Amino acid sequence: QVQLQESGPGLVKSSQMLSLTCTVSGGSITTSYYGWAWIRQAPGKGLEWMGAVAYDGSTYYSPSLKSRTSISRDTSKNQFSLQLTSVTPEDTAVYYCARAPRPETYSDPGEYDYWGQGTQVTVSS
């Protein structure tokens, strides 16, 4: 059974960088052809796909967030991470990590098969 767990600070100040890590157990992040994604949900809004890192290290980003987003991985720890720069209160959301089962699903949260429980991040002004 694959499990994902988000970790990171719950409070970030405006203009600073948000950093989150997702630790994966029960499966390797290098196994073909899975993708490992970050998604967020702001209060009262729907899910927003932020980006993903593929089994081979390739990265994919939402065009609307690409200039501020970086996704990396540490294969030795079976973790992948999100960095979001220049945050504002509009970046306040529950942040999730999840697994995409196939390359064509990397940007489709509706197709993800395993999710972390989510972590609340609040950006203070």
N, C-alpha and C. Protein backbone atom coordinates (compact mmCIF):
# COMPACT_ATOMS: atom_id res chain seq x y z
N GLN A 1 0.84 -1.19 0.00
CA GLN A 1 0.00 0.00 0.00
C GLN A 1 0.88 1.25 0.00
N VAL A 2 0.67 2.07 -1.00
CA VAL A 2 1.44 3.30 -1.10
C VAL A 2 0.86 4.35 -0.16
N GLN A 3 1.75 5.01 0.54
CA GLN A 3 1.33 6.09 1.44
C GLN A 3 2.18 7.33 1.15
N LEU A 4 1.54 8.49 1.21
CA LEU A 4 2.22 9.76 1.00
C LEU A 4 1.94 10.65 2.20
N GLN A 5 2.95 11.37 2.63
CA GLN A 5 2.81 12.25 3.79
C GLN A 5 3.49 13.58 3.52
N GLU A 6 2.71 14.65 3.57
CA GLU A 6 3.26 15.99 3.39
C GLU A 6 3.85 16.50 4.70
N SER A 7 4.88 17.30 4.60
CA SER A 7 5.45 17.94 5.78
C SER A 7 6.01 19.30 5.40
N GLY A 8 6.01 20.18 6.38
CA GLY A 8 6.52 21.53 6.15
C GLY A 8 5.84 22.52 7.07
N PRO A 9 6.28 23.76 7.03
CA PRO A 9 5.70 24.77 7.93
C PRO A 9 4.27 25.09 7.58
N GLY A 10 3.48 25.33 8.59
CA GLY A 10 2.08 25.65 8.38
C GLY A 10 1.83 27.14 8.21
N LEU A 11 2.84 27.94 8.49
CA LEU A 11 2.69 29.39 8.39
C LEU A 11 3.91 29.98 7.69
N VAL A 12 3.64 30.76 6.67
CA VAL A 12 4.70 31.41 5.90
C VAL A 12 4.35 32.88 5.75
N LYS A 13 5.35 33.73 5.79
CA LYS A 13 5.11 35.16 5.64
C LYS A 13 5.09 35.55 4.17
N SER A 14 4.31 36.56 3.87
CA SER A 14 4.26 37.06 2.50
C SER A 14 5.66 37.41 1.99
N SER A 15 5.85 37.14 0.72
CA SER A 15 7.09 37.38 -0.03
C SER A 15 8.15 36.31 0.21
N GLN A 16 7.93 35.43 1.18
CA GLN A 16 8.89 34.38 1.44
C GLN A 16 8.63 33.16 0.56
N MET A 17 9.41 32.13 0.75
CA MET A 17 9.28 30.90 -0.01
C MET A 17 8.60 29.82 0.82
N LEU A 18 7.67 29.15 0.20
CA LEU A 18 7.00 28.01 0.82
C LEU A 18 7.72 26.73 0.38
N SER A 19 8.06 25.89 1.34
CA SER A 19 8.73 24.63 1.02
C SER A 19 8.00 23.48 1.70
N LEU A 20 7.63 22.49 0.93
CA LEU A 20 6.96 21.30 1.43
C LEU A 20 7.66 20.06 0.89
N THR A 21 7.60 19.01 1.68
CA THR A 21 8.17 17.72 1.27
C THR A 21 7.11 16.65 1.37
N CYS A 22 7.13 15.74 0.42
CA CYS A 22 6.24 14.59 0.44
C CYS A 22 7.10 13.33 0.57
N THR A 23 6.86 12.58 1.63
CA THR A 23 7.58 11.33 1.85
C THR A 23 6.69 10.18 1.41
N VAL A 24 7.25 9.34 0.55
CA VAL A 24 6.50 8.22 -0.02
C VAL A 24 6.97 6.92 0.60
N SER A 25 6.03 6.07 0.98
CA SER A 25 6.35 4.74 1.47
C SER A 25 5.48 3.73 0.74
N GLY A 26 5.99 2.49 0.68
CA GLY A 26 5.24 1.44 0.01
C GLY A 26 5.43 1.40 -1.49
N GLY A 27 6.33 2.23 -2.01
CA GLY A 27 6.60 2.25 -3.44
C GLY A 27 7.69 3.26 -3.74
N SER A 28 8.43 3.03 -4.80
CA SER A 28 9.54 3.91 -5.15
C SER A 28 9.11 4.99 -6.12
N ILE A 29 9.63 6.20 -5.91
CA ILE A 29 9.29 7.31 -6.81
C ILE A 29 10.00 7.18 -8.16
N THR A 30 10.88 6.19 -8.28
CA THR A 30 11.57 5.98 -9.56
C THR A 30 10.95 4.86 -10.39
N THR A 31 9.89 4.27 -9.89
CA THR A 31 9.22 3.18 -10.62
C THR A 31 8.48 3.72 -11.84
N SER A 32 8.77 3.12 -12.99
CA SER A 32 8.08 3.50 -14.23
C SER A 32 6.60 3.22 -14.09
N TYR A 33 5.74 3.98 -14.58
CA TYR A 33 5.83 5.28 -15.20
C TYR A 33 5.11 6.31 -14.35
N TYR A 34 5.22 6.15 -13.04
CA TYR A 34 4.45 7.00 -12.16
C TYR A 34 4.94 8.45 -12.17
N GLY A 35 4.01 9.34 -11.88
CA GLY A 35 4.32 10.74 -11.65
C GLY A 35 3.91 11.10 -10.23
N TRP A 36 4.58 12.12 -9.70
CA TRP A 36 4.36 12.50 -8.31
C TRP A 36 4.05 13.99 -8.30
N ALA A 37 2.86 14.31 -7.84
CA ALA A 37 2.31 15.64 -8.08
C ALA A 37 2.03 16.43 -6.81
N TRP A 38 1.96 17.74 -7.01
CA TRP A 38 1.50 18.65 -5.98
C TRP A 38 0.22 19.33 -6.45
N ILE A 39 -0.73 19.40 -5.53
CA ILE A 39 -2.04 19.99 -5.80
C ILE A 39 -2.40 20.83 -4.58
N ARG A 40 -3.18 21.86 -4.79
CA ARG A 40 -3.61 22.65 -3.65
C ARG A 40 -5.09 23.00 -3.79
N GLN A 41 -5.68 23.32 -2.65
CA GLN A 41 -7.07 23.75 -2.65
C GLN A 41 -7.21 24.92 -1.70
N ALA A 42 -7.48 26.08 -2.26
CA ALA A 42 -7.68 27.29 -1.47
C ALA A 42 -9.10 27.28 -0.89
N PRO A 43 -9.31 28.02 0.16
CA PRO A 43 -10.65 28.05 0.79
C PRO A 43 -11.74 28.41 -0.21
N GLY A 44 -12.75 27.57 -0.29
CA GLY A 44 -13.89 27.84 -1.16
C GLY A 44 -13.64 27.62 -2.63
N LYS A 45 -12.49 27.05 -2.99
CA LYS A 45 -12.15 26.83 -4.39
C LYS A 45 -11.90 25.36 -4.68
N GLY A 46 -11.77 25.04 -5.94
CA GLY A 46 -11.52 23.67 -6.34
C GLY A 46 -10.05 23.31 -6.29
N LEU A 47 -9.75 22.09 -6.66
CA LEU A 47 -8.37 21.63 -6.69
C LEU A 47 -7.61 22.34 -7.81
N GLU A 48 -6.39 22.70 -7.50
CA GLU A 48 -5.51 23.34 -8.48
C GLU A 48 -4.24 22.51 -8.62
N TRP A 49 -4.01 22.01 -9.81
CA TRP A 49 -2.78 21.26 -10.07
C TRP A 49 -1.62 22.22 -10.17
N MET A 50 -0.53 21.92 -9.45
CA MET A 50 0.62 22.81 -9.44
C MET A 50 1.77 22.29 -10.31
N GLY A 51 1.98 21.00 -10.27
CA GLY A 51 3.06 20.43 -11.04
C GLY A 51 3.35 19.01 -10.61
N ALA A 52 4.31 18.40 -11.30
CA ALA A 52 4.64 17.01 -11.01
C ALA A 52 6.08 16.71 -11.42
N VAL A 53 6.61 15.69 -10.77
CA VAL A 53 7.91 15.14 -11.17
C VAL A 53 7.69 13.69 -11.56
N ALA A 54 8.22 13.31 -12.69
CA ALA A 54 8.02 11.96 -13.20
C ALA A 54 9.04 10.99 -12.62
N TYR A 55 8.82 9.71 -12.87
CA TYR A 55 9.70 8.64 -12.38
C TYR A 55 11.15 8.84 -12.84
N ASP A 56 11.32 9.50 -13.99
CA ASP A 56 12.66 9.69 -14.54
C ASP A 56 13.25 11.05 -14.19
N GLY A 57 12.56 11.81 -13.34
CA GLY A 57 13.05 13.12 -12.93
C GLY A 57 12.55 14.29 -13.75
N SER A 58 11.85 14.03 -14.83
CA SER A 58 11.29 15.11 -15.63
C SER A 58 10.25 15.88 -14.81
N THR A 59 10.19 17.18 -15.03
CA THR A 59 9.25 17.99 -14.27
C THR A 59 8.25 18.68 -15.19
N TYR A 60 7.07 18.90 -14.65
CA TYR A 60 5.96 19.51 -15.38
C TYR A 60 5.31 20.52 -14.45
N TYR A 61 4.96 21.68 -15.00
CA TYR A 61 4.42 22.74 -14.16
C TYR A 61 3.16 23.35 -14.76
N SER A 62 2.29 23.80 -13.86
CA SER A 62 1.14 24.58 -14.31
C SER A 62 1.65 25.89 -14.91
N PRO A 63 1.16 26.25 -16.09
CA PRO A 63 1.62 27.51 -16.70
C PRO A 63 1.40 28.73 -15.80
N SER A 64 0.34 28.70 -15.03
CA SER A 64 0.02 29.87 -14.19
C SER A 64 0.94 30.00 -12.99
N LEU A 65 1.61 28.92 -12.63
CA LEU A 65 2.48 28.94 -11.45
C LEU A 65 3.94 28.69 -11.79
N LYS A 66 4.21 28.43 -13.04
CA LYS A 66 5.55 27.98 -13.44
C LYS A 66 6.67 28.92 -13.02
N SER A 67 6.41 30.22 -13.08
CA SER A 67 7.47 31.18 -12.76
C SER A 67 7.85 31.17 -11.29
N ARG A 68 6.99 30.61 -10.43
CA ARG A 68 7.25 30.63 -8.98
C ARG A 68 7.44 29.24 -8.39
N THR A 69 7.34 28.20 -9.19
CA THR A 69 7.30 26.84 -8.67
C THR A 69 8.51 26.02 -9.08
N SER A 70 8.99 25.23 -8.15
CA SER A 70 10.05 24.27 -8.45
C SER A 70 9.74 22.97 -7.72
N ILE A 71 9.82 21.88 -8.43
CA ILE A 71 9.62 20.56 -7.84
C ILE A 71 10.89 19.75 -8.03
N SER A 72 11.35 19.17 -6.94
CA SER A 72 12.57 18.38 -6.98
C SER A 72 12.34 17.06 -6.26
N ARG A 73 13.34 16.19 -6.30
CA ARG A 73 13.20 14.92 -5.61
C ARG A 73 14.51 14.47 -5.02
N ASP A 74 14.41 13.63 -4.00
CA ASP A 74 15.56 12.99 -3.37
C ASP A 74 15.28 11.50 -3.41
N THR A 75 15.86 10.83 -4.37
CA THR A 75 15.56 9.41 -4.54
C THR A 75 16.10 8.57 -3.39
N SER A 76 17.16 9.04 -2.74
CA SER A 76 17.73 8.28 -1.62
C SER A 76 16.78 8.25 -0.42
N LYS A 77 15.94 9.28 -0.33
CA LYS A 77 14.97 9.35 0.77
C LYS A 77 13.55 9.03 0.30
N ASN A 78 13.40 8.79 -0.99
CA ASN A 78 12.09 8.54 -1.57
C ASN A 78 11.12 9.69 -1.26
N GLN A 79 11.61 10.88 -1.50
CA GLN A 79 10.84 12.09 -1.24
C GLN A 79 10.84 13.00 -2.47
N PHE A 80 9.81 13.80 -2.57
CA PHE A 80 9.82 14.88 -3.55
C PHE A 80 9.31 16.14 -2.88
N SER A 81 9.74 17.27 -3.38
CA SER A 81 9.51 18.53 -2.69
C SER A 81 8.95 19.60 -3.60
N LEU A 82 8.29 20.55 -2.97
CA LEU A 82 7.72 21.71 -3.66
C LEU A 82 8.31 22.97 -3.07
N GLN A 83 8.70 23.88 -3.94
CA GLN A 83 9.09 25.21 -3.50
C GLN A 83 8.26 26.22 -4.30
N LEU A 84 7.65 27.13 -3.57
CA LEU A 84 6.83 28.18 -4.20
C LEU A 84 7.35 29.52 -3.68
N THR A 85 7.84 30.34 -4.57
CA THR A 85 8.46 31.60 -4.16
C THR A 85 7.47 32.76 -4.16
N SER A 86 7.87 33.81 -3.49
CA SER A 86 7.11 35.08 -3.49
C SER A 86 5.65 34.86 -3.16
N VAL A 87 5.41 34.16 -2.06
CA VAL A 87 4.03 33.84 -1.72
C VAL A 87 3.26 35.07 -1.23
N THR A 88 1.96 35.01 -1.43
CA THR A 88 1.03 36.03 -0.95
C THR A 88 -0.10 35.32 -0.21
N PRO A 89 -0.95 36.06 0.48
CA PRO A 89 -2.09 35.42 1.15
C PRO A 89 -2.95 34.59 0.20
N GLU A 90 -2.93 34.88 -1.09
CA GLU A 90 -3.69 34.08 -2.05
C GLU A 90 -3.14 32.68 -2.21
N ASP A 91 -1.95 32.42 -1.70
CA ASP A 91 -1.39 31.07 -1.74
C ASP A 91 -1.79 30.25 -0.53
N THR A 92 -2.57 30.82 0.35
CA THR A 92 -3.11 30.06 1.48
C THR A 92 -4.02 28.95 0.97
N ALA A 93 -3.72 27.73 1.40
CA ALA A 93 -4.46 26.57 0.87
C ALA A 93 -4.06 25.32 1.64
N VAL A 94 -4.81 24.27 1.40
CA VAL A 94 -4.38 22.93 1.80
C VAL A 94 -3.57 22.38 0.63
N TYR A 95 -2.37 21.94 0.91
CA TYR A 95 -1.48 21.41 -0.12
C TYR A 95 -1.42 19.89 0.00
N TYR A 96 -1.60 19.25 -1.15
CA TYR A 96 -1.59 17.80 -1.22
C TYR A 96 -0.47 17.31 -2.14
N CYS A 97 0.06 16.14 -1.81
CA CYS A 97 0.88 15.41 -2.78
C CYS A 97 0.11 14.14 -3.16
N ALA A 98 0.39 13.67 -4.35
CA ALA A 98 -0.37 12.53 -4.85
C ALA A 98 0.43 11.80 -5.94
N ARG A 99 -0.03 10.59 -6.27
CA ARG A 99 0.61 9.81 -7.32
C ARG A 99 -0.27 9.73 -8.56
N ALA A 100 0.35 9.99 -9.69
CA ALA A 100 -0.31 9.84 -10.98
C ALA A 100 0.09 8.49 -11.57
N PRO A 101 -0.85 7.66 -11.97
CA PRO A 101 -0.50 6.30 -12.38
C PRO A 101 0.13 6.16 -13.76
N ARG A 102 -0.07 7.14 -14.64
CA ARG A 102 0.44 7.05 -16.00
C ARG A 102 0.85 8.44 -16.49
N PRO A 103 1.75 8.51 -17.45
CA PRO A 103 2.18 9.83 -17.93
C PRO A 103 1.04 10.72 -18.40
N GLU A 104 0.04 10.14 -19.03
CA GLU A 104 -1.05 10.98 -19.52
C GLU A 104 -1.93 11.52 -18.41
N THR A 105 -1.69 11.08 -17.19
CA THR A 105 -2.48 11.56 -16.04
C THR A 105 -1.70 12.52 -15.15
N TYR A 106 -0.50 12.86 -15.54
CA TYR A 106 0.35 13.66 -14.65
C TYR A 106 -0.31 14.97 -14.23
N SER A 107 -1.10 15.59 -15.07
CA SER A 107 -1.71 16.88 -14.75
C SER A 107 -3.21 16.76 -14.48
N ASP A 108 -3.70 15.58 -14.19
CA ASP A 108 -5.13 15.35 -13.98
C ASP A 108 -5.38 14.77 -12.60
N PRO A 109 -5.63 15.64 -11.61
CA PRO A 109 -5.87 15.14 -10.25
C PRO A 109 -7.01 14.14 -10.16
N GLY A 110 -7.96 14.20 -11.06
CA GLY A 110 -9.06 13.26 -11.05
C GLY A 110 -8.64 11.83 -11.30
N GLU A 111 -7.44 11.64 -11.83
CA GLU A 111 -6.94 10.31 -12.15
C GLU A 111 -5.94 9.79 -11.12
N TYR A 112 -5.60 10.59 -10.14
CA TYR A 112 -4.58 10.16 -9.17
C TYR A 112 -5.11 9.03 -8.29
N ASP A 113 -4.23 8.09 -7.97
CA ASP A 113 -4.69 6.91 -7.23
C ASP A 113 -4.29 6.90 -5.76
N TYR A 114 -3.31 7.67 -5.38
CA TYR A 114 -2.94 7.76 -3.97
C TYR A 114 -2.68 9.23 -3.63
N TRP A 115 -3.17 9.61 -2.46
CA TRP A 115 -3.06 10.99 -2.00
C TRP A 115 -2.53 11.04 -0.58
N GLY A 116 -1.80 12.11 -0.28
CA GLY A 116 -1.51 12.41 1.10
C GLY A 116 -2.73 13.01 1.77
N GLN A 117 -2.66 13.18 3.07
CA GLN A 117 -3.81 13.71 3.80
C GLN A 117 -3.96 15.22 3.63
N GLY A 118 -2.91 15.87 3.15
CA GLY A 118 -2.95 17.31 2.96
C GLY A 118 -2.39 18.05 4.17
N THR A 119 -1.83 19.20 3.90
CA THR A 119 -1.30 20.03 4.97
C THR A 119 -1.72 21.48 4.74
N GLN A 120 -2.22 22.10 5.78
CA GLN A 120 -2.66 23.49 5.68
C GLN A 120 -1.46 24.42 5.72
N VAL A 121 -1.41 25.32 4.75
CA VAL A 121 -0.39 26.36 4.75
C VAL A 121 -1.10 27.71 4.70
N THR A 122 -0.78 28.54 5.65
CA THR A 122 -1.35 29.88 5.71
C THR A 122 -0.24 30.89 5.46
N VAL A 123 -0.52 31.83 4.57
CA VAL A 123 0.43 32.89 4.29
C VAL A 123 -0.06 34.16 4.97
N SER A 124 0.76 34.67 5.85
CA SER A 124 0.39 35.88 6.59
C SER A 124 0.85 37.12 5.84
N SER A 125 0.04 38.15 5.94
CA SER A 125 0.37 39.39 5.23
C SER A 125 1.24 40.31 6.06
